[in-house]
PDB file of all heavy atoms in Angstrom:
ATOM      1  N   ALA A   1     -93.456 -10.498 -78.722  1.00  0.00           N
ATOM      2  CA  ALA A   1     -94.226 -11.643 -79.084  1.00  0.00           C
ATOM      3  C   ALA A   1     -94.208 -12.726 -78.104  1.00  0.00           C
ATOM      4  O   ALA A   1     -93.031 -13.007 -77.603  1.00  0.00           O
ATOM      5  CB  ALA A   1     -93.893 -12.193 -80.504  1.00  0.00           C
ATOM      6  N   ASP A   2     -95.269 -13.350 -77.890  1.00  0.00           N
ATOM      7  CA  ASP A   2     -95.243 -14.729 -77.047  1.00  0.00           C
ATOM      8  C   ASP A   2     -95.252 -15.776 -78.137  1.00  0.00           C
ATOM      9  O   ASP A   2     -95.655 -15.664 -79.274  1.00  0.00           O
ATOM     10  CB  ASP A   2     -96.502 -14.772 -76.239  1.00  0.00           C
ATOM     11  CG  ASP A   2     -96.401 -15.723 -75.092  1.00  0.00           C
ATOM     12  OD1 ASP A   2     -95.290 -16.320 -74.848  1.00  0.00           O
ATOM     13  OD2 ASP A   2     -97.399 -16.013 -74.420  1.00  0.00           O
ATOM     14  N   TYR A   3     -94.740 -16.964 -77.702  1.00  0.00           N
ATOM     15  CA  TYR A   3     -94.742 -18.170 -78.440  1.00  0.00           C
ATOM     16  C   TYR A   3     -94.801 -19.345 -77.538  1.00  0.00           C
ATOM     17  O   TYR A   3     -94.297 -19.162 -76.344  1.00  0.00           O
ATOM     18  CB  TYR A   3     -93.546 -18.231 -79.509  1.00  0.00           C
ATOM     19  CG  TYR A   3     -92.170 -18.161 -78.783  1.00  0.00           C
ATOM     20  CD1 TYR A   3     -91.578 -19.358 -78.483  1.00  0.00           C
ATOM     21  CD2 TYR A   3     -91.526 -17.001 -78.619  1.00  0.00           C
ATOM     22  CE1 TYR A   3     -90.188 -19.332 -77.934  1.00  0.00           C
ATOM     23  CE2 TYR A   3     -90.217 -16.966 -78.086  1.00  0.00           C
ATOM     24  CZ  TYR A   3     -89.528 -18.213 -77.750  1.00  0.00           C
ATOM     25  OH  TYR A   3     -88.334 -18.204 -77.210  1.00  0.00           O
ATOM     26  N   ARG A   4     -95.071 -20.483 -78.023  1.00  0.00           N
ATOM     27  CA  ARG A   4     -95.092 -21.636 -77.221  1.00  0.00           C
ATOM     28  C   ARG A   4     -93.717 -22.190 -76.848  1.00  0.00           C
ATOM     29  O   ARG A   4     -92.805 -22.054 -77.513  1.00  0.00           O
ATOM     30  CB  ARG A   4     -95.827 -22.802 -77.884  1.00  0.00           C
ATOM     31  CG  ARG A   4     -97.368 -22.653 -78.084  1.00  0.00           C
ATOM     32  CD  ARG A   4     -98.009 -23.606 -78.916  1.00  0.00           C
ATOM     33  NE  ARG A   4     -97.538 -23.423 -80.352  1.00  0.00           N
ATOM     34  CZ  ARG A   4     -97.716 -24.282 -81.323  1.00  0.00           C
ATOM     35  NH1 ARG A   4     -98.352 -25.439 -81.077  1.00  0.00           N
ATOM     36  NH2 ARG A   4     -97.247 -24.057 -82.582  1.00  0.00           N
ATOM     37  N   VAL A   5     -93.581 -22.664 -75.564  1.00  0.00           N
ATOM     38  CA  VAL A   5     -92.218 -23.153 -75.083  1.00  0.00           C
ATOM     39  C   VAL A   5     -92.499 -24.529 -74.489  1.00  0.00           C
ATOM     40  O   VAL A   5     -93.624 -24.821 -74.028  1.00  0.00           O
ATOM     41  CB  VAL A   5     -91.475 -22.217 -74.150  1.00  0.00           C
ATOM     42  CG1 VAL A   5     -91.161 -20.965 -74.938  1.00  0.00           C
ATOM     43  CG2 VAL A   5     -92.373 -21.964 -72.898  1.00  0.00           C
ATOM     44  N   LYS A   6     -91.435 -25.305 -74.301  1.00  0.00           N
ATOM     45  CA  LYS A   6     -91.541 -26.650 -73.722  1.00  0.00           C
ATOM     46  C   LYS A   6     -92.133 -26.695 -72.395  1.00  0.00           C
ATOM     47  O   LYS A   6     -93.047 -27.578 -72.027  1.00  0.00           O
ATOM     48  CB  LYS A   6     -90.177 -27.350 -73.755  1.00  0.00           C
ATOM     49  CG  LYS A   6     -90.265 -28.893 -73.255  1.00  0.00           C
ATOM     50  CD  LYS A   6     -88.897 -29.462 -73.408  1.00  0.00           C
ATOM     51  CE  LYS A   6     -88.922 -30.933 -72.784  1.00  0.00           C
ATOM     52  NZ  LYS A   6     -89.970 -31.726 -73.422  1.00  0.00           N
ATOM     53  N   SER A   7     -91.661 -25.815 -71.429  1.00  0.00           N
ATOM     54  CA  SER A   7     -92.102 -25.839 -69.979  1.00  0.00           C
ATOM     55  C   SER A   7     -93.547 -25.601 -69.826  1.00  0.00           C
ATOM     56  O   SER A   7     -94.196 -26.161 -68.891  1.00  0.00           O
ATOM     57  CB  SER A   7     -91.294 -24.914 -69.066  1.00  0.00           C
ATOM     58  OG  SER A   7     -91.500 -23.597 -69.475  1.00  0.00           O
ATOM     59  N   ARG A   8     -94.209 -24.682 -70.611  1.00  0.00           N
ATOM     60  CA  ARG A   8     -95.474 -24.257 -70.444  1.00  0.00           C
ATOM     61  C   ARG A   8     -96.468 -25.016 -71.405  1.00  0.00           C
ATOM     62  O   ARG A   8     -97.611 -25.212 -71.142  1.00  0.00           O
ATOM     63  CB  ARG A   8     -95.618 -22.755 -70.716  1.00  0.00           C
ATOM     64  CG  ARG A   8     -94.973 -21.970 -69.679  1.00  0.00           C
ATOM     65  CD  ARG A   8     -95.413 -20.490 -69.887  1.00  0.00           C
ATOM     66  NE  ARG A   8     -94.799 -19.838 -71.037  1.00  0.00           N
ATOM     67  CZ  ARG A   8     -93.650 -19.097 -70.933  1.00  0.00           C
ATOM     68  NH1 ARG A   8     -92.968 -19.054 -69.859  1.00  0.00           N
ATOM     69  NH2 ARG A   8     -93.100 -18.565 -72.075  1.00  0.00           N
ATOM     70  N   ASN A   9     -95.959 -25.446 -72.579  1.00  0.00           N
ATOM     71  CA  ASN A   9     -96.807 -25.946 -73.635  1.00  0.00           C
ATOM     72  C   ASN A   9     -96.422 -27.336 -74.112  1.00  0.00           C
ATOM     73  O   ASN A   9     -96.933 -27.937 -75.103  1.00  0.00           O
ATOM     74  CB  ASN A   9     -96.935 -24.976 -74.796  1.00  0.00           C
ATOM     75  CG  ASN A   9     -97.131 -23.627 -74.414  1.00  0.00           C
ATOM     76  OD1 ASN A   9     -96.298 -22.744 -74.348  1.00  0.00           O
ATOM     77  ND2 ASN A   9     -98.307 -23.328 -74.012  1.00  0.00           N
ATOM     78  N   ASN A  10     -95.212 -27.897 -73.650  1.00  0.00           N
ATOM     79  CA  ASN A  10     -94.717 -29.235 -73.978  1.00  0.00           C
ATOM     80  C   ASN A  10     -94.595 -29.432 -75.488  1.00  0.00           C
ATOM     81  O   ASN A  10     -95.064 -30.285 -76.093  1.00  0.00           O
ATOM     82  CB  ASN A  10     -95.674 -30.274 -73.489  1.00  0.00           C
ATOM     83  CG  ASN A  10     -94.969 -31.657 -73.490  1.00  0.00           C
ATOM     84  OD1 ASN A  10     -93.761 -31.805 -73.437  1.00  0.00           O
ATOM     85  ND2 ASN A  10     -95.718 -32.751 -73.667  1.00  0.00           N
ATOM     86  N   VAL A  11     -93.820 -28.317 -76.080  1.00  0.00           N
ATOM     87  CA  VAL A  11     -93.585 -28.396 -77.592  1.00  0.00           C
ATOM     88  C   VAL A  11     -92.147 -28.433 -77.796  1.00  0.00           C
ATOM     89  O   VAL A  11     -91.313 -28.217 -77.039  1.00  0.00           O
ATOM     90  CB  VAL A  11     -94.130 -27.160 -78.295  1.00  0.00           C
ATOM     91  CG1 VAL A  11     -95.684 -26.961 -78.155  1.00  0.00           C
ATOM     92  CG2 VAL A  11     -93.539 -25.873 -77.667  1.00  0.00           C
ATOM     93  N   VAL A  12     -91.725 -29.012 -78.989  1.00  0.00           N
ATOM     94  CA  VAL A  12     -90.398 -29.070 -79.449  1.00  0.00           C
ATOM     95  C   VAL A  12     -90.097 -27.710 -80.177  1.00  0.00           C
ATOM     96  O   VAL A  12     -91.022 -26.908 -80.460  1.00  0.00           O
ATOM     97  CB  VAL A  12     -90.222 -30.234 -80.383  1.00  0.00           C
ATOM     98  CG1 VAL A  12     -90.243 -31.517 -79.638  1.00  0.00           C
ATOM     99  CG2 VAL A  12     -91.282 -30.282 -81.505  1.00  0.00           C
ATOM    100  N   ALA A  13     -88.872 -27.537 -80.425  1.00  0.00           N
ATOM    101  CA  ALA A  13     -88.458 -26.139 -80.939  1.00  0.00           C
ATOM    102  C   ALA A  13     -89.040 -25.803 -82.354  1.00  0.00           C
ATOM    103  O   ALA A  13     -89.314 -24.568 -82.612  1.00  0.00           O
ATOM    104  CB  ALA A  13     -86.933 -26.109 -81.002  1.00  0.00           C
ATOM    105  N   LYS A  14     -89.377 -26.785 -83.109  1.00  0.00           N
ATOM    106  CA  LYS A  14     -89.888 -26.438 -84.451  1.00  0.00           C
ATOM    107  C   LYS A  14     -91.270 -25.810 -84.318  1.00  0.00           C
ATOM    108  O   LYS A  14     -91.610 -25.046 -85.192  1.00  0.00           O
ATOM    109  CB  LYS A  14     -89.967 -27.721 -85.378  1.00  0.00           C
ATOM    110  CG  LYS A  14     -91.069 -28.735 -84.944  1.00  0.00           C
ATOM    111  CD  LYS A  14     -91.087 -29.931 -85.981  1.00  0.00           C
ATOM    112  CE  LYS A  14     -92.193 -30.857 -85.668  1.00  0.00           C
ATOM    113  NZ  LYS A  14     -92.207 -31.992 -86.588  1.00  0.00           N
ATOM    114  N   LYS A  15     -91.976 -25.945 -83.267  1.00  0.00           N
ATOM    115  CA  LYS A  15     -93.175 -25.289 -82.996  1.00  0.00           C
ATOM    116  C   LYS A  15     -92.992 -23.891 -82.629  1.00  0.00           C
ATOM    117  O   LYS A  15     -93.836 -22.990 -82.989  1.00  0.00           O
ATOM    118  CB  LYS A  15     -93.971 -26.073 -81.978  1.00  0.00           C
ATOM    119  CG  LYS A  15     -94.454 -27.467 -82.193  1.00  0.00           C
ATOM    120  CD  LYS A  15     -95.355 -27.549 -83.507  1.00  0.00           C
ATOM    121  CE  LYS A  15     -95.850 -28.969 -83.608  1.00  0.00           C
ATOM    122  NZ  LYS A  15     -96.634 -29.038 -84.929  1.00  0.00           N
ATOM    123  N   CYS A  16     -91.884 -23.601 -81.963  1.00  0.00           N
ATOM    124  CA  CYS A  16     -91.464 -22.239 -81.686  1.00  0.00           C
ATOM    125  C   CYS A  16     -91.218 -21.519 -82.872  1.00  0.00           C
ATOM    126  O   CYS A  16     -91.616 -20.370 -83.091  1.00  0.00           O
ATOM    127  CB  CYS A  16     -90.197 -22.235 -80.814  1.00  0.00           C
ATOM    128  SG  CYS A  16     -90.375 -23.138 -79.303  1.00  0.00           S
ATOM    129  N   VAL A  17     -90.595 -22.146 -83.899  1.00  0.00           N
ATOM    130  CA  VAL A  17     -90.349 -21.543 -85.163  1.00  0.00           C
ATOM    131  C   VAL A  17     -91.592 -21.190 -85.998  1.00  0.00           C
ATOM    132  O   VAL A  17     -91.866 -20.212 -86.501  1.00  0.00           O
ATOM    133  CB  VAL A  17     -89.371 -22.520 -86.027  1.00  0.00           C
ATOM    134  CG1 VAL A  17     -89.220 -21.909 -87.450  1.00  0.00           C
ATOM    135  CG2 VAL A  17     -88.067 -22.662 -85.404  1.00  0.00           C
ATOM    136  N   SER A  18     -92.447 -22.269 -85.935  1.00  0.00           N
ATOM    137  CA  SER A  18     -93.808 -21.964 -86.586  1.00  0.00           C
ATOM    138  C   SER A  18     -94.534 -20.739 -85.908  1.00  0.00           C
ATOM    139  O   SER A  18     -95.149 -19.962 -86.580  1.00  0.00           O
ATOM    140  CB  SER A  18     -94.733 -23.268 -86.398  1.00  0.00           C
ATOM    141  OG  SER A  18     -94.169 -24.359 -87.082  1.00  0.00           O
ATOM    142  N   ASP A  19     -94.504 -20.625 -84.618  1.00  0.00           N
ATOM    143  CA  ASP A  19     -95.156 -19.451 -84.038  1.00  0.00           C
ATOM    144  C   ASP A  19     -94.424 -18.151 -84.379  1.00  0.00           C
ATOM    145  O   ASP A  19     -95.094 -17.094 -84.703  1.00  0.00           O
ATOM    146  CB  ASP A  19     -95.056 -19.688 -82.470  1.00  0.00           C
ATOM    147  CG  ASP A  19     -95.987 -20.757 -82.048  1.00  0.00           C
ATOM    148  OD1 ASP A  19     -96.760 -21.274 -82.803  1.00  0.00           O
ATOM    149  OD2 ASP A  19     -95.771 -21.027 -80.775  1.00  0.00           O
ATOM    150  N   ALA A  20     -93.084 -18.216 -84.465  1.00  0.00           N
ATOM    151  CA  ALA A  20     -92.467 -16.949 -84.891  1.00  0.00           C
ATOM    152  C   ALA A  20     -92.742 -16.560 -86.381  1.00  0.00           C
ATOM    153  O   ALA A  20     -93.048 -15.346 -86.598  1.00  0.00           O
ATOM    154  CB  ALA A  20     -90.934 -17.170 -84.694  1.00  0.00           C
ATOM    155  N   LYS A  21     -92.858 -17.618 -87.192  1.00  0.00           N
ATOM    156  CA  LYS A  21     -93.218 -17.240 -88.562  1.00  0.00           C
ATOM    157  C   LYS A  21     -94.671 -16.750 -88.571  1.00  0.00           C
ATOM    158  O   LYS A  21     -94.878 -15.823 -89.435  1.00  0.00           O
ATOM    159  CB  LYS A  21     -92.928 -18.540 -89.470  1.00  0.00           C
ATOM    160  CG  LYS A  21     -91.605 -18.987 -89.441  1.00  0.00           C
ATOM    161  CD  LYS A  21     -91.354 -20.082 -90.495  1.00  0.00           C
ATOM    162  CE  LYS A  21     -91.395 -19.597 -91.956  1.00  0.00           C
ATOM    163  NZ  LYS A  21     -90.917 -20.662 -92.848  1.00  0.00           N
ATOM    164  N   SER A  22     -95.470 -17.342 -87.837  1.00  0.00           N
ATOM    165  CA  SER A  22     -96.957 -16.828 -87.732  1.00  0.00           C
ATOM    166  C   SER A  22     -97.055 -15.334 -87.310  1.00  0.00           C
ATOM    167  O   SER A  22     -97.858 -14.610 -87.809  1.00  0.00           O
ATOM    168  CB  SER A  22     -97.697 -17.667 -86.770  1.00  0.00           C
ATOM    169  OG  SER A  22     -97.819 -18.984 -87.280  1.00  0.00           O
ATOM    170  N   ALA A  23     -96.159 -14.994 -86.291  1.00  0.00           N
ATOM    171  CA  ALA A  23     -96.144 -13.623 -85.819  1.00  0.00           C
ATOM    172  C   ALA A  23     -95.765 -12.593 -86.920  1.00  0.00           C
ATOM    173  O   ALA A  23     -96.385 -11.695 -87.133  1.00  0.00           O
ATOM    174  CB  ALA A  23     -95.210 -13.530 -84.637  1.00  0.00           C
ATOM    175  N   VAL A  24     -94.634 -12.939 -87.640  1.00  0.00           N
ATOM    176  CA  VAL A  24     -94.216 -12.087 -88.669  1.00  0.00           C
ATOM    177  C   VAL A  24     -95.285 -11.992 -89.764  1.00  0.00           C
ATOM    178  O   VAL A  24     -95.642 -10.846 -90.307  1.00  0.00           O
ATOM    179  CB  VAL A  24     -92.907 -12.446 -89.284  1.00  0.00           C
ATOM    180  CG1 VAL A  24     -92.474 -11.575 -90.430  1.00  0.00           C
ATOM    181  CG2 VAL A  24     -91.794 -12.497 -88.215  1.00  0.00           C
ATOM    182  N   ARG A  25     -95.878 -13.031 -90.092  1.00  0.00           N
ATOM    183  CA  ARG A  25     -96.844 -13.141 -91.164  1.00  0.00           C
ATOM    184  C   ARG A  25     -98.085 -12.349 -90.691  1.00  0.00           C
ATOM    185  O   ARG A  25     -98.699 -11.521 -91.514  1.00  0.00           O
ATOM    186  CB  ARG A  25     -97.231 -14.624 -91.457  1.00  0.00           C
ATOM    187  CG  ARG A  25     -98.397 -14.663 -92.520  1.00  0.00           C
ATOM    188  CD  ARG A  25     -98.620 -16.125 -92.977  1.00  0.00           C
ATOM    189  NE  ARG A  25     -97.549 -16.528 -93.815  1.00  0.00           N
ATOM    190  CZ  ARG A  25     -96.702 -17.515 -93.536  1.00  0.00           C
ATOM    191  NH1 ARG A  25     -96.852 -18.238 -92.496  1.00  0.00           N
ATOM    192  NH2 ARG A  25     -95.786 -17.960 -94.477  1.00  0.00           N
ATOM    193  N   TRP A  26     -98.534 -12.450 -89.468  1.00  0.00           N
ATOM    194  CA  TRP A  26     -99.729 -11.790 -88.964  1.00  0.00           C
ATOM    195  C   TRP A  26     -99.452 -10.222 -89.072  1.00  0.00           C
ATOM    196  O   TRP A  26    -100.435  -9.452 -89.418  1.00  0.00           O
ATOM    197  CB  TRP A  26    -100.002 -12.249 -87.569  1.00  0.00           C
ATOM    198  CG  TRP A  26    -101.369 -11.725 -87.020  1.00  0.00           C
ATOM    199  CD1 TRP A  26    -102.463 -12.431 -87.106  1.00  0.00           C
ATOM    200  CD2 TRP A  26    -101.605 -10.388 -86.503  1.00  0.00           C
ATOM    201  NE1 TRP A  26    -103.491 -11.635 -86.474  1.00  0.00           N
ATOM    202  CE2 TRP A  26    -103.026 -10.410 -86.136  1.00  0.00           C
ATOM    203  CE3 TRP A  26    -100.868  -9.354 -86.256  1.00  0.00           C
ATOM    204  CZ2 TRP A  26    -103.595  -9.323 -85.618  1.00  0.00           C
ATOM    205  CZ3 TRP A  26    -101.488  -8.197 -85.579  1.00  0.00           C
ATOM    206  CH2 TRP A  26    -102.868  -8.170 -85.359  1.00  0.00           C
ATOM    207  N   ILE A  27     -98.376  -9.832 -88.591  1.00  0.00           N
ATOM    208  CA  ILE A  27     -97.967  -8.388 -88.657  1.00  0.00           C
ATOM    209  C   ILE A  27     -98.041  -7.837 -90.035  1.00  0.00           C
ATOM    210  O   ILE A  27     -98.664  -6.794 -90.318  1.00  0.00           O
ATOM    211  CB  ILE A  27     -96.688  -8.089 -88.111  1.00  0.00           C
ATOM    212  CG1 ILE A  27     -96.621  -8.401 -86.513  1.00  0.00           C
ATOM    213  CG2 ILE A  27     -96.159  -6.620 -88.144  1.00  0.00           C
ATOM    214  CD1 ILE A  27     -95.270  -8.548 -85.845  1.00  0.00           C
TER     215      ILE A  27
END
C-alpha cells in the first residue's frame, strides 16, 4: 500500500494512520 508521507505530501503522522485505516477498510 501507498500512503501519504511528510516529504511528498507535507502531512503529519496521524494522516498516515488515516490512510492505513482506509486501506484495510477498502480491502
